[in-house]
Amino acid sequence: MSDPNRRGDWHLDKSVSFGHILTTVTILLSLAAGWATMSERIAVLEQQQAGFNSQIVGILSNQRSTDTRQDSEITEIKRQIREDYREIRRNLDQLIRSQVASE
């Protein structure tokens, strides 16, 4: 049933096989290659993000200048409309006065 010379249910083998060394080296190389690939991909993504950021800054700058131009155009249109209303009011007043004076 149990061997009296055994001290426990398990034991450690003090020898190291070539398969263990090869497996460990393969795992370490795979990790290093994965790390390098990931670093390269992250660098590429950072460069792309920097390019996108500069494009966004340019677009926002163009939008601000467009907004400023449109605001000034709207202000000018509003001013022109007010002048047109004043002119229409003056003309109506003159027409009413001439109608009242002729009666």
PDB file of N, CA and C in Angstrom:
ATOM      1  N   MET A   1       0.797  -1.162   0.000  1.00  0.00           N
ATOM      2  CA  MET A   1       0.000   0.000   0.000  1.00  0.00           C
ATOM      3  C   MET A   1       0.859   1.252   0.000  1.00  0.00           C
ATOM      4  N   SER A   2       1.498   1.569   1.104  1.00  0.00           N
ATOM      5  CA  SER A   2       2.383   2.715   1.076  1.00  0.00           C
ATOM      6  C   SER A   2       3.801   2.240   1.312  1.00  0.00           C
ATOM      7  N   ASP A   3       4.690   2.890   0.605  1.00  0.00           N
ATOM      8  CA  ASP A   3       6.104   2.520   0.710  1.00  0.00           C
ATOM      9  C   ASP A   3       6.680   3.169   1.954  1.00  0.00           C
ATOM     10  N   PRO A   4       7.270   2.428   2.849  1.00  0.00           N
ATOM     11  CA  PRO A   4       7.802   3.028   4.081  1.00  0.00           C
ATOM     12  C   PRO A   4       9.003   3.925   3.821  1.00  0.00           C
ATOM     13  N   ASN A   5       9.664   3.801   2.666  1.00  0.00           N
ATOM     14  CA  ASN A   5      10.821   4.646   2.371  1.00  0.00           C
ATOM     15  C   ASN A   5      10.407   6.010   1.819  1.00  0.00           C
ATOM     16  N   ARG A   6       9.166   6.139   1.385  1.00  0.00           N
ATOM     17  CA  ARG A   6       8.677   7.429   0.852  1.00  0.00           C
ATOM     18  C   ARG A   6       8.248   8.315   1.995  1.00  0.00           C
ATOM     19  N   ARG A   7       8.559   9.608   1.898  1.00  0.00           N
ATOM     20  CA  ARG A   7       8.254  10.520   2.982  1.00  0.00           C
ATOM     21  C   ARG A   7       6.978  11.307   2.753  1.00  0.00           C
ATOM     22  N   GLY A   8       6.430  11.300   1.612  1.00  0.00           N
ATOM     23  CA  GLY A   8       5.216  12.041   1.335  1.00  0.00           C
ATOM     24  C   GLY A   8       4.579  11.508   0.068  1.00  0.00           C
ATOM     25  N   ASP A   9       3.521  12.180  -0.323  1.00  0.00           N
ATOM     26  CA  ASP A   9       2.825  11.744  -1.525  1.00  0.00           C
ATOM     27  C   ASP A   9       3.517  12.197  -2.793  1.00  0.00           C
ATOM     28  N   TRP A  10       4.368  13.193  -2.715  1.00  0.00           N
ATOM     29  CA  TRP A  10       5.036  13.685  -3.900  1.00  0.00           C
ATOM     30  C   TRP A  10       6.488  13.990  -3.577  1.00  0.00           C
ATOM     31  N   HIS A  11       7.268  14.170  -4.627  1.00  0.00           N
ATOM     32  CA  HIS A  11       8.679  14.488  -4.444  1.00  0.00           C
ATOM     33  C   HIS A  11       9.151  15.379  -5.591  1.00  0.00           C
ATOM     34  N   LEU A  12      10.249  16.092  -5.393  1.00  0.00           N
ATOM     35  CA  LEU A  12      10.838  16.934  -6.429  1.00  0.00           C
ATOM     36  C   LEU A  12      12.017  16.197  -7.046  1.00  0.00           C
ATOM     37  N   ASP A  13      12.022  16.175  -8.360  1.00  0.00           N
ATOM     38  CA  ASP A  13      13.133  15.561  -9.069  1.00  0.00           C
ATOM     39  C   ASP A  13      14.226  16.615  -9.188  1.00  0.00           C
ATOM     40  N   LYS A  14      15.422  16.309  -8.758  1.00  0.00           N
ATOM     41  CA  LYS A  14      16.502  17.295  -8.739  1.00  0.00           C
ATOM     42  C   LYS A  14      17.197  17.433 -10.084  1.00  0.00           C
ATOM     43  N   SER A  15      16.804  16.675 -11.051  1.00  0.00           N
ATOM     44  CA  SER A  15      17.402  16.793 -12.367  1.00  0.00           C
ATOM     45  C   SER A  15      16.537  17.707 -13.234  1.00  0.00           C
ATOM     46  N   VAL A  16      17.169  18.363 -14.198  1.00  0.00           N
ATOM     47  CA  VAL A  16      16.472  19.251 -15.122  1.00  0.00           C
ATOM     48  C   VAL A  16      16.660  18.662 -16.513  1.00  0.00           C
ATOM     49  N   SER A  17      15.543  18.463 -17.176  1.00  0.00           N
ATOM     50  CA  SER A  17      15.641  17.859 -18.503  1.00  0.00           C
ATOM     51  C   SER A  17      15.790  18.942 -19.568  1.00  0.00           C
ATOM     52  N   PHE A  18      16.251  18.524 -20.727  1.00  0.00           N
ATOM     53  CA  PHE A  18      16.411  19.438 -21.852  1.00  0.00           C
ATOM     54  C   PHE A  18      15.057  20.000 -22.286  1.00  0.00           C
ATOM     55  N   GLY A  19      14.025  19.216 -22.181  1.00  0.00           N
ATOM     56  CA  GLY A  19      12.680  19.662 -22.537  1.00  0.00           C
ATOM     57  C   GLY A  19      12.210  20.823 -21.681  1.00  0.00           C
ATOM     58  N   HIS A  20      12.519  20.764 -20.383  1.00  0.00           N
ATOM     59  CA  HIS A  20      12.156  21.877 -19.494  1.00  0.00           C
ATOM     60  C   HIS A  20      12.882  23.157 -19.875  1.00  0.00           C
ATOM     61  N   ILE A  21      14.168  23.029 -20.156  1.00  0.00           N
ATOM     62  CA  ILE A  21      14.957  24.209 -20.543  1.00  0.00           C
ATOM     63  C   ILE A  21      14.436  24.772 -21.855  1.00  0.00           C
ATOM     64  N   LEU A  22      14.174  23.893 -22.825  1.00  0.00           N
ATOM     65  CA  LEU A  22      13.678  24.336 -24.119  1.00  0.00           C
ATOM     66  C   LEU A  22      12.311  25.010 -23.986  1.00  0.00           C
ATOM     67  N   THR A  23      11.441  24.453 -23.183  1.00  0.00           N
ATOM     68  CA  THR A  23      10.117  25.040 -22.968  1.00  0.00           C
ATOM     69  C   THR A  23      10.226  26.413 -22.314  1.00  0.00           C
ATOM     70  N   THR A  24      11.074  26.532 -21.312  1.00  0.00           N
ATOM     71  CA  THR A  24      11.259  27.815 -20.617  1.00  0.00           C
ATOM     72  C   THR A  24      11.817  28.869 -21.553  1.00  0.00           C
ATOM     73  N   VAL A  25      12.810  28.512 -22.356  1.00  0.00           N
ATOM     74  CA  VAL A  25      13.398  29.459 -23.307  1.00  0.00           C
ATOM     75  C   VAL A  25      12.358  29.868 -24.353  1.00  0.00           C
ATOM     76  N   THR A  26      11.569  28.913 -24.817  1.00  0.00           N
ATOM     77  CA  THR A  26      10.535  29.212 -25.815  1.00  0.00           C
ATOM     78  C   THR A  26       9.501  30.182 -25.242  1.00  0.00           C
ATOM     79  N   ILE A  27       9.088  29.962 -24.025  1.00  0.00           N
ATOM     80  CA  ILE A  27       8.111  30.859 -23.384  1.00  0.00           C
ATOM     81  C   ILE A  27       8.697  32.256 -23.230  1.00  0.00           C
ATOM     82  N   LEU A  28       9.936  32.339 -22.777  1.00  0.00           N
ATOM     83  CA  LEU A  28      10.578  33.653 -22.599  1.00  0.00           C
ATOM     84  C   LEU A  28      10.733  34.380 -23.933  1.00  0.00           C
ATOM     85  N   LEU A  29      11.115  33.658 -24.974  1.00  0.00           N
ATOM     86  CA  LEU A  29      11.249  34.284 -26.294  1.00  0.00           C
ATOM     87  C   LEU A  29       9.887  34.745 -26.815  1.00  0.00           C
ATOM     88  N   SER A  30       8.863  33.935 -26.583  1.00  0.00           N
ATOM     89  CA  SER A  30       7.514  34.329 -27.017  1.00  0.00           C
ATOM     90  C   SER A  30       7.059  35.588 -26.286  1.00  0.00           C
ATOM     91  N   LEU A  31       7.305  35.649 -25.002  1.00  0.00           N
ATOM     92  CA  LEU A  31       6.938  36.847 -24.235  1.00  0.00           C
ATOM     93  C   LEU A  31       7.695  38.077 -24.728  1.00  0.00           C
ATOM     94  N   ALA A  32       8.989  37.919 -24.999  1.00  0.00           N
ATOM     95  CA  ALA A  32       9.794  39.053 -25.477  1.00  0.00           C
ATOM     96  C   ALA A  32       9.302  39.511 -26.852  1.00  0.00           C
ATOM     97  N   ALA A  33       9.006  38.562 -27.732  1.00  0.00           N
ATOM     98  CA  ALA A  33       8.514  38.927 -29.066  1.00  0.00           C
ATOM     99  C   ALA A  33       7.157  39.611 -28.962  1.00  0.00           C
ATOM    100  N   GLY A  34       6.295  39.095 -28.116  1.00  0.00           N
ATOM    101  CA  GLY A  34       4.982  39.726 -27.917  1.00  0.00           C
ATOM    102  C   GLY A  34       5.112  41.125 -27.360  1.00  0.00           C
ATOM    103  N   TRP A  35       6.013  41.306 -26.421  1.00  0.00           N
ATOM    104  CA  TRP A  35       6.234  42.628 -25.831  1.00  0.00           C
ATOM    105  C   TRP A  35       6.753  43.619 -26.881  1.00  0.00           C
ATOM    106  N   ALA A  36       7.684  43.156 -27.706  1.00  0.00           N
ATOM    107  CA  ALA A  36       8.235  44.035 -28.743  1.00  0.00           C
ATOM    108  C   ALA A  36       7.171  44.409 -29.758  1.00  0.00           C
ATOM    109  N   THR A  37       6.378  43.437 -30.160  1.00  0.00           N
ATOM    110  CA  THR A  37       5.306  43.707 -31.124  1.00  0.00           C
ATOM    111  C   THR A  37       4.298  44.686 -30.545  1.00  0.00           C
ATOM    112  N   MET A  38       3.946  44.476 -29.285  1.00  0.00           N
ATOM    113  CA  MET A  38       2.986  45.364 -28.633  1.00  0.00           C
ATOM    114  C   MET A  38       3.556  46.783 -28.530  1.00  0.00           C
ATOM    115  N   SER A  39       4.833  46.898 -28.221  1.00  0.00           N
ATOM    116  CA  SER A  39       5.453  48.218 -28.130  1.00  0.00           C
ATOM    117  C   SER A  39       5.429  48.937 -29.477  1.00  0.00           C
ATOM    118  N   GLU A  40       5.711  48.197 -30.546  1.00  0.00           N
ATOM    119  CA  GLU A  40       5.674  48.798 -31.884  1.00  0.00           C
ATOM    120  C   GLU A  40       4.257  49.265 -32.232  1.00  0.00           C
ATOM    121  N   ARG A  41       3.279  48.437 -31.926  1.00  0.00           N
ATOM    122  CA  ARG A  41       1.890  48.800 -32.239  1.00  0.00           C
ATOM    123  C   ARG A  41       1.452  50.029 -31.448  1.00  0.00           C
ATOM    124  N   ILE A  42       1.868  50.086 -30.196  1.00  0.00           N
ATOM    125  CA  ILE A  42       1.521  51.244 -29.372  1.00  0.00           C
ATOM    126  C   ILE A  42       2.178  52.502 -29.935  1.00  0.00           C
ATOM    127  N   ALA A  43       3.428  52.394 -30.380  1.00  0.00           N
ATOM    128  CA  ALA A  43       4.116  53.555 -30.960  1.00  0.00           C
ATOM    129  C   ALA A  43       3.400  54.037 -32.215  1.00  0.00           C
ATOM    130  N   VAL A  44       2.967  53.095 -33.057  1.00  0.00           N
ATOM    131  CA  VAL A  44       2.241  53.470 -34.278  1.00  0.00           C
ATOM    132  C   VAL A  44       0.923  54.159 -33.917  1.00  0.00           C
ATOM    133  N   LEU A  45       0.211  53.611 -32.947  1.00  0.00           N
ATOM    134  CA  LEU A  45      -1.054  54.224 -32.529  1.00  0.00           C
ATOM    135  C   LEU A  45      -0.841  55.626 -31.949  1.00  0.00           C
ATOM    136  N   GLU A  46       0.233  55.815 -31.204  1.00  0.00           N
ATOM    137  CA  GLU A  46       0.530  57.141 -30.655  1.00  0.00           C
ATOM    138  C   GLU A  46       0.817  58.142 -31.771  1.00  0.00           C
ATOM    139  N   GLN A  47       1.546  57.716 -32.801  1.00  0.00           N
ATOM    140  CA  GLN A  47       1.820  58.607 -33.926  1.00  0.00           C
ATOM    141  C   GLN A  47       0.535  58.958 -34.665  1.00  0.00           C
ATOM    142  N   GLN A  48      -0.326  57.965 -34.865  1.00  0.00           N
ATOM    143  CA  GLN A  48      -1.598  58.233 -35.529  1.00  0.00           C
ATOM    144  C   GLN A  48      -2.438  59.195 -34.701  1.00  0.00           C
ATOM    145  N   GLN A  49      -2.453  59.003 -33.397  1.00  0.00           N
ATOM    146  CA  GLN A  49      -3.230  59.874 -32.521  1.00  0.00           C
ATOM    147  C   GLN A  49      -2.702  61.306 -32.574  1.00  0.00           C
ATOM    148  N   ALA A  50      -1.395  61.450 -32.626  1.00  0.00           N
ATOM    149  CA  ALA A  50      -0.813  62.792 -32.725  1.00  0.00           C
ATOM    150  C   ALA A  50      -1.242  63.457 -34.033  1.00  0.00           C
ATOM    151  N   GLY A  51      -1.248  62.684 -35.115  1.00  0.00           N
ATOM    152  CA  GLY A  51      -1.709  63.231 -36.400  1.00  0.00           C
ATOM    153  C   GLY A  51      -3.171  63.629 -36.344  1.00  0.00           C
ATOM    154  N   PHE A  52      -3.991  62.780 -35.721  1.00  0.00           N
ATOM    155  CA  PHE A  52      -5.409  63.097 -35.587  1.00  0.00           C
ATOM    156  C   PHE A  52      -5.610  64.347 -34.739  1.00  0.00           C
ATOM    157  N   ASN A  53      -4.819  64.461 -33.682  1.00  0.00           N
ATOM    158  CA  ASN A  53      -4.947  65.642 -32.816  1.00  0.00           C
ATOM    159  C   ASN A  53      -4.631  66.923 -33.580  1.00  0.00           C
ATOM    160  N   SER A  54      -3.589  66.896 -34.415  1.00  0.00           N
ATOM    161  CA  SER A  54      -3.247  68.095 -35.183  1.00  0.00           C
ATOM    162  C   SER A  54      -4.344  68.402 -36.200  1.00  0.00           C
ATOM    163  N   GLN A  55      -4.940  67.364 -36.785  1.00  0.00           N
ATOM    164  CA  GLN A  55      -6.045  67.588 -37.719  1.00  0.00           C
ATOM    165  C   GLN A  55      -7.238  68.202 -36.999  1.00  0.00           C
ATOM    166  N   ILE A  56      -7.525  67.708 -35.817  1.00  0.00           N
ATOM    167  CA  ILE A  56      -8.661  68.232 -35.047  1.00  0.00           C
ATOM    168  C   ILE A  56      -8.423  69.694 -34.681  1.00  0.00           C
ATOM    169  N   VAL A  57      -7.202  70.021 -34.297  1.00  0.00           N
ATOM    170  CA  VAL A  57      -6.882  71.414 -33.960  1.00  0.00           C
ATOM    171  C   VAL A  57      -7.076  72.304 -35.185  1.00  0.00           C
ATOM    172  N   GLY A  58      -6.650  71.831 -36.346  1.00  0.00           N
ATOM    173  CA  GLY A  58      -6.838  72.598 -37.580  1.00  0.00           C
ATOM    174  C   GLY A  58      -8.307  72.780 -37.915  1.00  0.00           C
ATOM    175  N   ILE A  59      -9.082  71.720 -37.777  1.00  0.00           N
ATOM    176  CA  ILE A  59     -10.521  71.799 -38.058  1.00  0.00           C
ATOM    177  C   ILE A  59     -11.198  72.772 -37.103  1.00  0.00           C
ATOM    178  N   LEU A  60     -10.848  72.700 -35.826  1.00  0.00           N
ATOM    179  CA  LEU A  60     -11.443  73.618 -34.851  1.00  0.00           C
ATOM    180  C   LEU A  60     -11.064  75.062 -35.142  1.00  0.00           C
ATOM    181  N   SER A  61      -9.838  75.283 -35.565  1.00  0.00           N
ATOM    182  CA  SER A  61      -9.409  76.635 -35.920  1.00  0.00           C
ATOM    183  C   SER A  61     -10.205  77.153 -37.115  1.00  0.00           C
ATOM    184  N   ASN A  62     -10.360  76.310 -38.130  1.00  0.00           N
ATOM    185  CA  ASN A  62     -11.156  76.706 -39.296  1.00  0.00           C
ATOM    186  C   ASN A  62     -12.601  76.973 -38.899  1.00  0.00           C
ATOM    187  N   GLN A  63     -13.139  76.147 -38.002  1.00  0.00           N
ATOM    188  CA  GLN A  63     -14.518  76.331 -37.567  1.00  0.00           C
ATOM    189  C   GLN A  63     -14.680  77.646 -36.812  1.00  0.00           C
ATOM    190  N   ARG A  64     -13.693  77.988 -35.989  1.00  0.00           N
ATOM    191  CA  ARG A  64     -13.767  79.257 -35.258  1.00  0.00           C
ATOM    192  C   ARG A  64     -13.758  80.448 -36.216  1.00  0.00           C
ATOM    193  N   SER A  65     -12.889  80.384 -37.234  1.00  0.00           N
ATOM    194  CA  SER A  65     -12.840  81.499 -38.184  1.00  0.00           C
ATOM    195  C   SER A  65     -14.135  81.565 -38.994  1.00  0.00           C
ATOM    196  N   THR A  66     -14.688  80.405 -39.353  1.00  0.00           N
ATOM    197  CA  THR A  66     -15.969  80.382 -40.065  1.00  0.00           C
ATOM    198  C   THR A  66     -17.081  80.949 -39.190  1.00  0.00           C
ATOM    199  N   ASP A  67     -17.091  80.553 -37.919  1.00  0.00           N
ATOM    200  CA  ASP A  67     -18.104  81.070 -36.993  1.00  0.00           C
ATOM    201  C   ASP A  67     -18.000  82.586 -36.846  1.00  0.00           C
ATOM    202  N   THR A  68     -16.771  83.093 -36.736  1.00  0.00           N
ATOM    203  CA  THR A  68     -16.568  84.528 -36.598  1.00  0.00           C
ATOM    204  C   THR A  68     -17.058  85.261 -37.844  1.00  0.00           C
ATOM    205  N   ARG A  69     -16.726  84.720 -39.009  1.00  0.00           N
ATOM    206  CA  ARG A  69     -17.172  85.335 -40.262  1.00  0.00           C
ATOM    207  C   ARG A  69     -18.695  85.317 -40.364  1.00  0.00           C
ATOM    208  N   GLN A  70     -19.303  84.185 -40.036  1.00  0.00           N
ATOM    209  CA  GLN A  70     -20.759  84.088 -40.101  1.00  0.00           C
ATOM    210  C   GLN A  70     -21.429  85.015 -39.094  1.00  0.00           C
ATOM    211  N   ASP A  71     -20.839  85.137 -37.916  1.00  0.00           N
ATOM    212  CA  ASP A  71     -21.401  86.056 -36.923  1.00  0.00           C
ATOM    213  C   ASP A  71     -21.389  87.492 -37.438  1.00  0.00           C
ATOM    214  N   SER A  72     -20.294  87.886 -38.075  1.00  0.00           N
ATOM    215  CA  SER A  72     -20.223  89.256 -38.588  1.00  0.00           C
ATOM    216  C   SER A  72     -21.213  89.445 -39.747  1.00  0.00           C
ATOM    217  N   GLU A  73     -21.368  88.412 -40.578  1.00  0.00           N
ATOM    218  CA  GLU A  73     -22.336  88.511 -41.677  1.00  0.00           C
ATOM    219  C   GLU A  73     -23.763  88.623 -41.135  1.00  0.00           C
ATOM    220  N   ILE A  74     -24.072  87.842 -40.110  1.00  0.00           N
ATOM    221  CA  ILE A  74     -25.410  87.904 -39.512  1.00  0.00           C
ATOM    222  C   ILE A  74     -25.650  89.275 -38.884  1.00  0.00           C
ATOM    223  N   THR A  75     -24.636  89.814 -38.222  1.00  0.00           N
ATOM    224  CA  THR A  75     -24.771  91.146 -37.633  1.00  0.00           C
ATOM    225  C   THR A  75     -25.027  92.184 -38.721  1.00  0.00           C
ATOM    226  N   GLU A  76     -24.320  92.070 -39.835  1.00  0.00           N
ATOM    227  CA  GLU A  76     -24.516  93.007 -40.945  1.00  0.00           C
ATOM    228  C   GLU A  76     -25.914  92.854 -41.538  1.00  0.00           C
ATOM    229  N   ILE A  77     -26.390  91.637 -41.685  1.00  0.00           N
ATOM    230  CA  ILE A  77     -27.739  91.406 -42.226  1.00  0.00           C
ATOM    231  C   ILE A  77     -28.788  91.997 -41.286  1.00  0.00           C
ATOM    232  N   LYS A  78     -28.606  91.796 -39.991  1.00  0.00           N
ATOM    233  CA  LYS A  78     -29.560  92.366 -39.028  1.00  0.00           C
ATOM    234  C   LYS A  78     -29.571  93.899 -39.105  1.00  0.00           C
ATOM    235  N   ARG A  79     -28.376  94.492 -39.241  1.00  0.00           N
ATOM    236  CA  ARG A  79     -28.292  95.943 -39.350  1.00  0.00           C
ATOM    237  C   ARG A  79     -29.012  96.420 -40.605  1.00  0.00           C
ATOM    238  N   GLN A  80     -28.793  95.709 -41.715  1.00  0.00           N
ATOM    239  CA  GLN A  80     -29.433  96.080 -42.977  1.00  0.00           C
ATOM    240  C   GLN A  80     -30.962  95.954 -42.882  1.00  0.00           C
ATOM    241  N   ILE A  81     -31.431  94.897 -42.218  1.00  0.00           N
ATOM    242  CA  ILE A  81     -32.880  94.719 -42.054  1.00  0.00           C
ATOM    243  C   ILE A  81     -33.470  95.865 -41.236  1.00  0.00           C
ATOM    244  N   ARG A  82     -32.758  96.263 -40.164  1.00  0.00           N
ATOM    245  CA  ARG A  82     -33.250  97.394 -39.361  1.00  0.00           C
ATOM    246  C   ARG A  82     -33.330  98.664 -40.198  1.00  0.00           C
ATOM    247  N   GLU A  83     -32.315  98.912 -41.011  1.00  0.00           N
ATOM    248  CA  GLU A  83     -32.342 100.096 -41.879  1.00  0.00           C
ATOM    249  C   GLU A  83     -33.495 100.016 -42.873  1.00  0.00           C
ATOM    250  N   ASP A  84     -33.717  98.831 -43.430  1.00  0.00           N
ATOM    251  CA  ASP A  84     -34.828  98.669 -44.382  1.00  0.00           C
ATOM    252  C   ASP A  84     -36.173  98.926 -43.696  1.00  0.00           C
ATOM    253  N   TYR A  85     -36.352  98.419 -42.478  1.00  0.00           N
ATOM    254  CA  TYR A  85     -37.598  98.677 -41.747  1.00  0.00           C
ATOM    255  C   TYR A  85     -37.789 100.168 -41.470  1.00  0.00           C
ATOM    256  N   ARG A  86     -36.693 100.837 -41.103  1.00  0.00           N
ATOM    257  CA  ARG A  86     -36.788 102.288 -40.858  1.00  0.00           C
ATOM    258  C   ARG A  86     -37.189 103.023 -42.137  1.00  0.00           C
ATOM    259  N   GLU A  87     -36.594 102.634 -43.250  1.00  0.00           N
ATOM    260  CA  GLU A  87     -36.922 103.264 -44.542  1.00  0.00           C
ATOM    261  C   GLU A  87     -38.378 103.008 -44.910  1.00  0.00           C
ATOM    262  N   ILE A  88     -38.830 101.760 -44.684  1.00  0.00           N
ATOM    263  CA  ILE A  88     -40.237 101.449 -44.964  1.00  0.00           C
ATOM    264  C   ILE A  88     -41.147 102.278 -44.068  1.00  0.00           C
ATOM    265  N   ARG A  89     -40.799 102.408 -42.788  1.00  0.00           N
ATOM    266  CA  ARG A  89     -41.610 103.200 -41.862  1.00  0.00           C
ATOM    267  C   ARG A  89     -41.661 104.667 -42.302  1.00  0.00           C
ATOM    268  N   ARG A  90     -40.509 105.225 -42.706  1.00  0.00           N
ATOM    269  CA  ARG A  90     -40.488 106.625 -43.174  1.00  0.00           C
ATOM    270  C   ARG A  90     -41.370 106.798 -44.410  1.00  0.00           C
ATOM    271  N   ASN A  91     -41.243 105.849 -45.334  1.00  0.00           N
ATOM    272  CA  ASN A  91     -42.063 105.940 -46.543  1.00  0.00           C
ATOM    273  C   ASN A  91     -43.553 105.830 -46.226  1.00  0.00           C
ATOM    274  N   LEU A  92     -43.915 104.931 -45.311  1.00  0.00           N
ATOM    275  CA  LEU A  92     -45.323 104.811 -44.916  1.00  0.00           C
ATOM    276  C   LEU A  92     -45.821 106.083 -44.236  1.00  0.00           C
ATOM    277  N   ASP A  93     -44.973 106.652 -43.363  1.00  0.00           N
ATOM    278  CA  ASP A  93     -45.354 107.901 -42.701  1.00  0.00           C
ATOM    279  C   ASP A  93     -45.592 109.005 -43.734  1.00  0.00           C
ATOM    280  N   GLN A  94     -44.684 109.116 -44.717  1.00  0.00           N
ATOM    281  CA  GLN A  94     -44.854 110.126 -45.764  1.00  0.00           C
ATOM    282  C   GLN A  94     -46.108 109.858 -46.575  1.00  0.00           C
ATOM    283  N   LEU A  95     -46.397 108.617 -46.894  1.00  0.00           N
ATOM    284  CA  LEU A  95     -47.592 108.268 -47.653  1.00  0.00           C
ATOM    285  C   LEU A  95     -48.854 108.611 -46.864  1.00  0.00           C
ATOM    286  N   ILE A  96     -48.841 108.289 -45.571  1.00  0.00           N
ATOM    287  CA  ILE A  96     -50.007 108.609 -44.728  1.00  0.00           C
ATOM    288  C   ILE A  96     -50.187 110.104 -44.624  1.00  0.00           C
ATOM    289  N   ARG A  97     -49.088 110.843 -44.468  1.00  0.00           N
ATOM    290  CA  ARG A  97     -49.201 112.320 -44.380  1.00  0.00           C
ATOM    291  C   ARG A  97     -49.743 112.900 -45.688  1.00  0.00           C
ATOM    292  N   SER A  98     -49.251 112.361 -46.793  1.00  0.00           N
ATOM    293  CA  SER A  98     -49.747 112.888 -48.072  1.00  0.00           C
ATOM    294  C   SER A  98     -51.214 112.542 -48.276  1.00  0.00           C
ATOM    295  N   GLN A  99     -51.646 111.392 -47.832  1.00  0.00           N
ATOM    296  CA  GLN A  99     -53.060 110.988 -47.925  1.00  0.00           C
ATOM    297  C   GLN A  99     -53.916 111.904 -47.028  1.00  0.00           C
ATOM    298  N   VAL A 100     -53.424 112.169 -45.796  1.00  0.00           N
ATOM    299  CA  VAL A 100     -54.182 113.027 -44.868  1.00  0.00           C
ATOM    300  C   VAL A 100     -54.202 114.445 -45.393  1.00  0.00           C
ATOM    301  N   ALA A 101     -53.115 114.945 -45.962  1.00  0.00           N
ATOM    302  CA  ALA A 101     -53.052 116.324 -46.447  1.00  0.00           C
ATOM    303  C   ALA A 101     -53.944 116.515 -47.672  1.00  0.00           C
ATOM    304  N   SER A 102     -54.064 115.481 -48.487  1.00  0.00           N
ATOM    305  CA  SER A 102     -54.894 115.624 -49.682  1.00  0.00           C
ATOM    306  C   SER A 102     -56.393 115.537 -49.369  1.00  0.00           C
ATOM    307  N   GLU A 103     -56.765 115.048 -48.253  1.00  0.00           N
ATOM    308  CA  GLU A 103     -58.198 114.960 -47.918  1.00  0.00           C
ATOM    309  C   GLU A 103     -58.723 116.189 -47.348  1.00  0.00           C
TER     310      GLU A 103
END
